[in-house]
Protein backbone atom coordinates (compact mmCIF):
# COMPACT_ATOMS: atom_id res chain seq x y z
CA MET A 1 97.38 94.52 67.03
CA SER A 2 97.57 90.56 67.37
CA PRO A 3 96.32 88.80 70.23
CA LEU A 4 98.20 86.92 72.60
CA PRO A 5 99.22 83.10 71.83
CA THR A 6 96.98 80.71 73.44
CA HIS A 7 99.71 79.21 75.63
CA VAL A 8 100.77 82.19 76.93
CA LEU A 9 97.32 83.29 78.19
CA ARG A 10 96.95 80.15 79.81
CA GLY A 11 100.14 80.39 81.28
CA LEU A 12 98.84 83.97 82.60
CA ARG A 13 95.85 82.67 84.05
CA ALA A 14 97.86 79.75 85.82
CA LEU A 15 100.13 82.19 87.20
CA LEU A 16 97.14 84.57 88.93
CA ASN A 17 95.49 81.19 89.89
CA GLY A 18 98.67 80.49 92.10
CA PHE A 19 98.27 84.18 93.92
CA SER A 20 94.74 83.28 94.29
CA GLN A 21 95.72 79.63 95.65
CA ILE A 22 97.62 81.59 98.51
CA PHE A 23 93.92 82.01 99.77
CA LEU A 24 93.22 78.67 98.73
CA GLN A 25 91.17 79.96 95.67
CA SER A 26 91.27 79.42 92.15
CA HIS A 27 90.02 82.63 90.44
CA PRO A 28 92.42 84.50 88.19
CA GLY A 29 90.29 88.01 89.39
CA CYS A 30 91.40 87.25 93.08
CA GLY A 31 94.84 86.79 91.72
CA LEU A 32 95.02 90.10 90.07
CA LEU A 33 93.80 91.71 93.31
CA VAL A 34 96.54 89.92 95.08
CA LEU A 35 98.87 91.55 93.10
CA LEU A 36 97.15 94.73 93.23
CA ALA A 37 97.78 94.64 97.10
CA LEU A 38 101.50 93.66 96.49
CA ALA A 39 102.01 96.67 94.46
CA LEU A 40 100.10 98.92 97.01
CA GLY A 41 101.84 97.89 100.03
CA ALA A 42 105.31 96.55 99.11
CA PRO A 43 106.19 96.85 95.33
CA ASN A 44 109.74 95.31 95.94
CA LEU A 45 108.34 92.15 96.83
CA LEU A 46 106.56 91.64 93.50
CA GLY A 47 109.81 90.53 91.36
CA GLY A 48 110.79 87.53 93.97
CA ALA A 49 106.75 86.52 94.21
CA LEU A 50 107.00 86.08 90.29
CA LEU A 51 110.06 84.67 89.69
CA GLY A 52 109.07 82.06 92.69
CA GLY A 53 105.49 81.20 91.15
CA LEU A 54 107.03 80.96 87.31
CA SER A 55 110.00 78.62 88.66
CA GLY A 56 107.18 76.40 90.38
CA MET A 57 104.80 76.27 87.27
CA LEU A 58 107.64 75.63 84.97
CA VAL A 59 108.95 72.71 86.89
CA ALA A 60 105.66 71.18 87.23
CA ARG A 61 105.63 71.44 83.67
CA TRP A 62 108.81 69.54 83.09
CA ARG A 63 107.91 67.10 85.74
CA ASP A 64 104.88 66.30 83.58
CA CYS A 65 102.26 67.36 86.59
CA PRO A 66 98.76 67.52 85.85
CA ARG A 67 98.00 69.82 83.54
CA ALA A 68 94.80 70.81 85.24
CA ASP A 69 96.59 71.40 88.55
CA ILE A 70 98.81 73.71 87.16
CA GLU A 71 96.41 75.80 85.50
CA ILE A 72 94.24 76.31 88.76
CA GLY A 73 97.51 77.42 90.62
CA LEU A 74 98.41 74.56 92.68
CA TYR A 75 102.07 74.56 91.54
CA GLY A 76 102.38 78.46 91.86
CA TYR A 77 101.22 79.58 95.45
CA ASN A 78 104.28 78.02 97.58
CA GLY A 79 106.81 79.45 95.12
CA ILE A 80 105.06 82.69 95.26
CA LEU A 81 105.47 82.69 99.03
CA LEU A 82 108.91 81.52 99.04
CA GLY A 83 109.68 84.62 97.15
CA LEU A 84 107.74 86.78 99.45
CA LEU A 85 109.60 85.41 102.16
CA ALA A 86 113.21 85.92 100.55
CA SER A 87 112.59 89.50 99.18
CA LEU A 88 111.34 90.48 102.37
CA GLN A 89 114.35 89.16 104.41
CA PHE A 90 117.20 89.64 102.15
CA ALA A 91 118.38 92.46 100.04
CA TRP A 92 118.05 92.01 95.84
CA SER A 93 121.09 90.25 94.50
CA PRO A 94 121.83 87.77 91.51
CA LEU A 95 122.33 85.07 94.61
CA LEU A 96 118.97 85.84 95.85
CA ALA A 97 117.21 85.46 92.41
CA LEU A 98 118.95 81.96 92.10
CA LEU A 99 117.76 80.84 95.23
CA ILE A 100 114.18 81.94 94.73
CA THR A 101 114.25 80.06 91.28
CA LEU A 102 115.57 76.86 92.92
CA GLY A 103 113.05 77.21 95.98
CA GLY A 104 110.15 77.80 93.52
CA GLY A 105 111.07 74.50 91.55
CA LEU A 106 112.16 72.52 94.66
CA SER A 107 108.31 73.63 96.33
CA SER A 108 106.96 71.73 93.30
CA LEU A 109 109.08 68.66 93.46
CA LEU A 110 108.07 68.40 97.05
CA LEU A 111 104.32 68.95 96.45
CA ALA A 112 103.83 66.49 93.67
CA PRO A 113 104.23 63.55 95.51
CA TRP A 114 102.07 64.53 98.41
CA MET A 115 99.62 65.38 95.88
CA THR A 116 99.87 61.78 94.66
CA ARG A 117 99.64 60.05 97.98
CA MET A 118 96.71 62.63 98.97
CA ARG A 119 94.87 61.38 96.17
CA ARG A 120 95.31 57.55 96.32
CA ARG A 121 96.02 57.14 99.99
CA GLY A 122 93.65 59.71 101.82
CA TRP A 123 96.89 61.82 103.03
CA LEU A 124 95.85 65.49 104.54
CA PRO A 125 96.35 68.07 102.27
CA ALA A 126 100.15 69.62 102.25
CA PHE A 127 98.54 73.18 102.13
CA THR A 128 101.89 75.40 102.54
CA LEU A 129 104.01 72.87 103.94
CA PRO A 130 106.47 73.25 100.93
CA PHE A 131 106.93 76.90 101.58
CA VAL A 132 107.53 76.40 105.52
CA LEU A 133 110.07 73.93 105.10
CA LEU A 134 111.92 75.56 102.12
CA GLY A 135 111.38 78.84 103.90
CA TRP A 136 113.36 77.37 107.14
CA GLY A 137 115.85 76.43 104.74
CA LEU A 138 116.58 79.80 102.75
CA LEU A 139 116.51 81.75 106.56
CA ALA A 140 119.13 79.10 107.53
CA LEU A 141 121.29 79.69 104.61
CA ALA A 142 121.68 83.79 105.84
CA ALA A 143 124.66 83.10 107.52
CA PRO A 144 126.80 80.76 105.80
CA LEU A 145 126.08 82.55 102.35
CA PRO A 146 126.78 86.13 101.76
CA LEU A 147 123.09 87.30 101.67
CA PRO A 148 122.78 90.85 102.77
CA LEU A 149 119.50 91.35 104.95
CA ARG A 150 117.33 93.75 103.99
CA ASP A 151 116.96 97.00 105.98
CA GLU A 152 113.74 96.75 108.39
CA VAL A 153 111.22 99.20 108.27
CA ALA A 154 109.80 100.16 111.71
CA ALA A 155 106.27 99.04 111.79
CA GLY A 156 103.83 101.91 113.06
CA ALA A 157 101.77 101.80 116.50
CA PRO A 158 97.93 101.38 115.54
CA THR A 159 95.72 102.72 118.20
CA LEU A 160 92.94 100.26 120.15
CA ASP A 161 90.07 101.74 119.08
CA GLY A 162 87.27 100.99 116.95
CA PHE A 163 88.65 102.14 113.71
CA GLY A 164 92.14 100.43 114.87
CA THR A 165 90.58 97.29 115.19
CA MET A 166 89.01 97.22 111.95
CA LEU A 167 92.31 98.02 110.42
CA ALA A 168 93.80 95.22 112.27
CA VAL A 169 91.21 93.03 111.15
CA LEU A 170 92.33 94.06 107.67
CA ARG A 171 96.05 93.57 108.23
CA GLY A 172 95.13 90.16 109.76
CA LEU A 173 94.53 89.52 105.85
CA GLY A 174 97.32 91.03 104.78
CA GLN A 175 99.86 89.50 106.83
CA VAL A 176 99.16 86.46 105.10
CA ILE A 177 101.36 88.10 102.30
CA PHE A 178 103.61 89.93 104.70
CA LEU A 179 101.86 93.27 104.38
CA ASP A 180 100.63 95.34 107.35
CA ASN A 181 99.07 97.93 104.95
CA PRO A 182 95.19 97.90 105.76
CA LEU A 183 94.46 98.92 101.98
CA SER A 184 96.32 95.96 100.74
CA GLY A 185 93.89 93.98 103.24
CA LEU A 186 91.08 95.76 101.60
CA CYS A 187 92.43 94.45 98.28
CA LEU A 188 92.71 90.97 99.40
CA LEU A 189 89.04 91.01 100.91
CA LEU A 190 87.73 91.85 97.54
CA GLY A 191 89.59 89.25 95.90
CA LEU A 192 88.08 86.77 98.23
CA LEU A 193 84.79 88.60 97.77
CA LEU A 194 85.12 87.98 94.19
CA ALA A 195 86.24 84.45 93.97
CA ASP A 196 83.73 83.00 97.25
CA ARG A 197 82.05 85.21 99.41
CA ARG A 198 81.56 82.87 102.13
CA ALA A 199 85.44 82.34 102.42
CA ALA A 200 85.66 86.19 102.47
CA LEU A 201 83.48 86.11 105.28
CA TRP A 202 85.36 83.69 107.27
CA ALA A 203 88.62 85.27 106.54
CA LEU A 204 87.12 88.28 108.17
CA LEU A 205 86.02 86.34 111.36
CA GLY A 206 89.33 84.46 111.65
CA ALA A 207 91.37 87.47 111.38
CA ALA A 208 89.10 89.04 114.18
CA ALA A 209 89.25 85.67 116.20
CA GLY A 210 92.77 86.00 116.35
CA LEU A 211 92.87 89.42 117.24
CA GLY A 212 90.45 88.96 120.09
CA LEU A 213 92.24 85.80 121.39
CA ALA A 214 95.22 88.04 121.39
CA ALA A 215 94.06 90.59 123.57
CA LEU A 216 92.03 88.33 125.73
CA LEU A 217 95.32 86.54 126.75
CA GLY A 218 97.41 89.75 126.90
CA TRP A 219 99.63 89.07 124.25
CA SER A 220 101.78 92.09 122.46
CA GLN A 221 99.09 94.91 121.63
CA ALA A 222 101.05 96.26 118.88
CA ASP A 223 101.74 92.99 117.40
CA ALA A 224 97.80 91.97 117.64
CA LEU A 225 96.75 95.50 115.80
CA ASN A 226 99.49 95.00 113.18
CA GLY A 227 97.91 91.73 112.15
CA LEU A 228 100.56 89.06 113.36
CA PHE A 229 98.00 87.11 115.29
CA GLY A 230 95.48 86.92 112.48
CA TYR A 231 97.24 85.58 109.36
CA ASN A 232 97.33 81.96 110.60
CA ALA A 233 93.38 82.33 111.76
CA VAL A 234 92.65 83.73 108.33
CA LEU A 235 93.94 80.95 106.17
CA ALA A 236 92.58 78.04 108.88
CA ALA A 237 89.38 79.39 108.75
CA ILE A 238 88.81 79.42 104.70
CA ALA A 239 90.66 75.94 104.74
CA LEU A 240 88.40 74.80 107.13
CA SER A 241 85.15 76.60 105.30
CA GLN A 242 85.62 74.38 102.04
CA VAL A 243 85.31 71.07 103.96
CA GLN A 244 82.76 72.44 106.96
CA ARG A 245 79.68 73.83 107.59
CA ARG A 246 79.74 73.90 111.32
CA PRO A 247 80.39 77.60 112.30
CA TRP A 248 82.07 76.18 115.84
CA VAL A 249 84.34 74.16 113.84
CA LEU A 250 85.50 76.89 111.92
CA LEU A 251 86.48 79.24 115.00
CA LEU A 252 88.05 76.56 116.50
CA GLY A 253 90.43 76.06 113.97
CA SER A 254 90.82 79.66 113.74
CA VAL A 255 91.59 79.73 117.77
CA LEU A 256 93.47 76.57 117.51
CA ALA A 257 95.80 78.13 114.65
CA THR A 258 96.47 81.17 116.90
CA LEU A 259 97.40 79.50 119.98
CA LEU A 260 99.71 77.02 117.81
CA GLN A 261 101.45 80.17 116.73
CA ALA A 262 102.11 81.31 120.10
CA GLY A 263 103.32 78.30 121.25
CA LEU A 264 105.53 77.40 118.33
CA ALA A 265 106.98 80.75 118.68
CA THR A 266 108.71 79.85 121.73
CA LEU A 267 110.54 77.24 120.07
CA GLY A 268 112.63 79.91 118.46
CA LEU A 269 111.64 78.80 114.71
CA PRO A 270 109.86 81.09 112.26
CA VAL A 271 106.37 79.75 112.42
CA LEU A 272 105.23 81.23 108.92
CA THR A 273 102.11 79.50 108.25
CA LEU A 274 102.97 76.20 110.17
CA PRO A 275 100.39 76.70 112.85
CA PHE A 276 97.35 77.08 109.96
CA ILE A 277 98.68 73.56 108.57
CA LEU A 278 98.92 71.80 112.23
CA ALA A 279 95.41 73.17 112.91
CA CYS A 280 93.58 72.07 109.70
CA TRP A 281 95.54 68.93 110.19
CA LEU A 282 94.46 68.34 113.91
CA VAL A 283 90.53 69.36 113.34
CA GLN A 284 90.41 67.22 110.07
CA ALA A 285 91.91 64.20 111.87
CA GLY A 286 89.90 64.61 115.27
CA ARG A 287 86.39 64.53 112.33
CA GLU A 288 87.74 61.54 110.98
CA CYS A 289 88.42 60.01 114.62
CA TRP A 290 84.93 61.00 115.71
CA ARG A 291 83.10 59.61 112.70
CA GLN A 292 84.80 56.27 112.95
CA ALA A 293 84.01 55.94 116.60
CA VAL A 294 80.39 56.82 115.79
CA ALA A 295 80.47 54.29 112.96
CA VAL A 296 81.73 51.26 115.23
CA ASN A 297 79.46 52.03 118.34
CA THR A 298 76.24 52.38 116.54
CA PRO A 299 74.52 49.21 116.65
CA ARG A 300 73.57 47.72 113.24
CA GLU A 301 70.18 46.93 112.20
CA ARG A 302 69.12 43.25 112.17
CA PRO A 303 68.45 41.78 108.71
């Protein structure tokens, strides 16, 4: 049996890296465990995720985006998330497949100029902003277009005890990709351990911080135990752990993401991962302002 061509292997590796980039990693083994988590928790979402990721990659190649960025998955994860959201909300149809394909391609067209400005002008990272903006657009199309909604499956009623709390933390990881299955969360944790043990630790602490804050403030216990107050905190903790070494800053980012999630939900918009983005931007912008203030007020040494 002849081996797969090199370009096919590179494409598969880039696609797996796209799945791992959902958790801000570039590791095909981690991406494979993300796929396994989906297969265990919601196999019906896999088709949309793969279609969105491939569309994003192909458009990035067509637009001559840097090959290194494509290969580490930076032009796959927004399309993957969009495909997951679409497959979760709507029943499968040719129209939905077309919208996922277009959305995955548009996510790369939105990300490419942002990446250029980030590197040349110091813009803050886009993170999952293309997914959020296109996700809002996709959800808004449900009414004018004949997109039948998928039948909702009622979530279980987890119990508030030691074991239930541990499962809620794993669900917080799973909710990053719209899963409330603790086994899927465990697969994601193993993927993070494979890619970056420090990121895995902070993912757990972020999920725990979101859960603890929800309990402290008396928010919906069912939502908290199903991980719905954990996923933005998880992403914020992972993202900030890549640029920060102070634990209190990472915990601050997780708490801020959770508070922003609750606040933005009152506006009636689907929050998706916007709270994670805003929390990271605020922490990084605050850090830069503090650095500049210290530099200005530090007396210079005399020559």
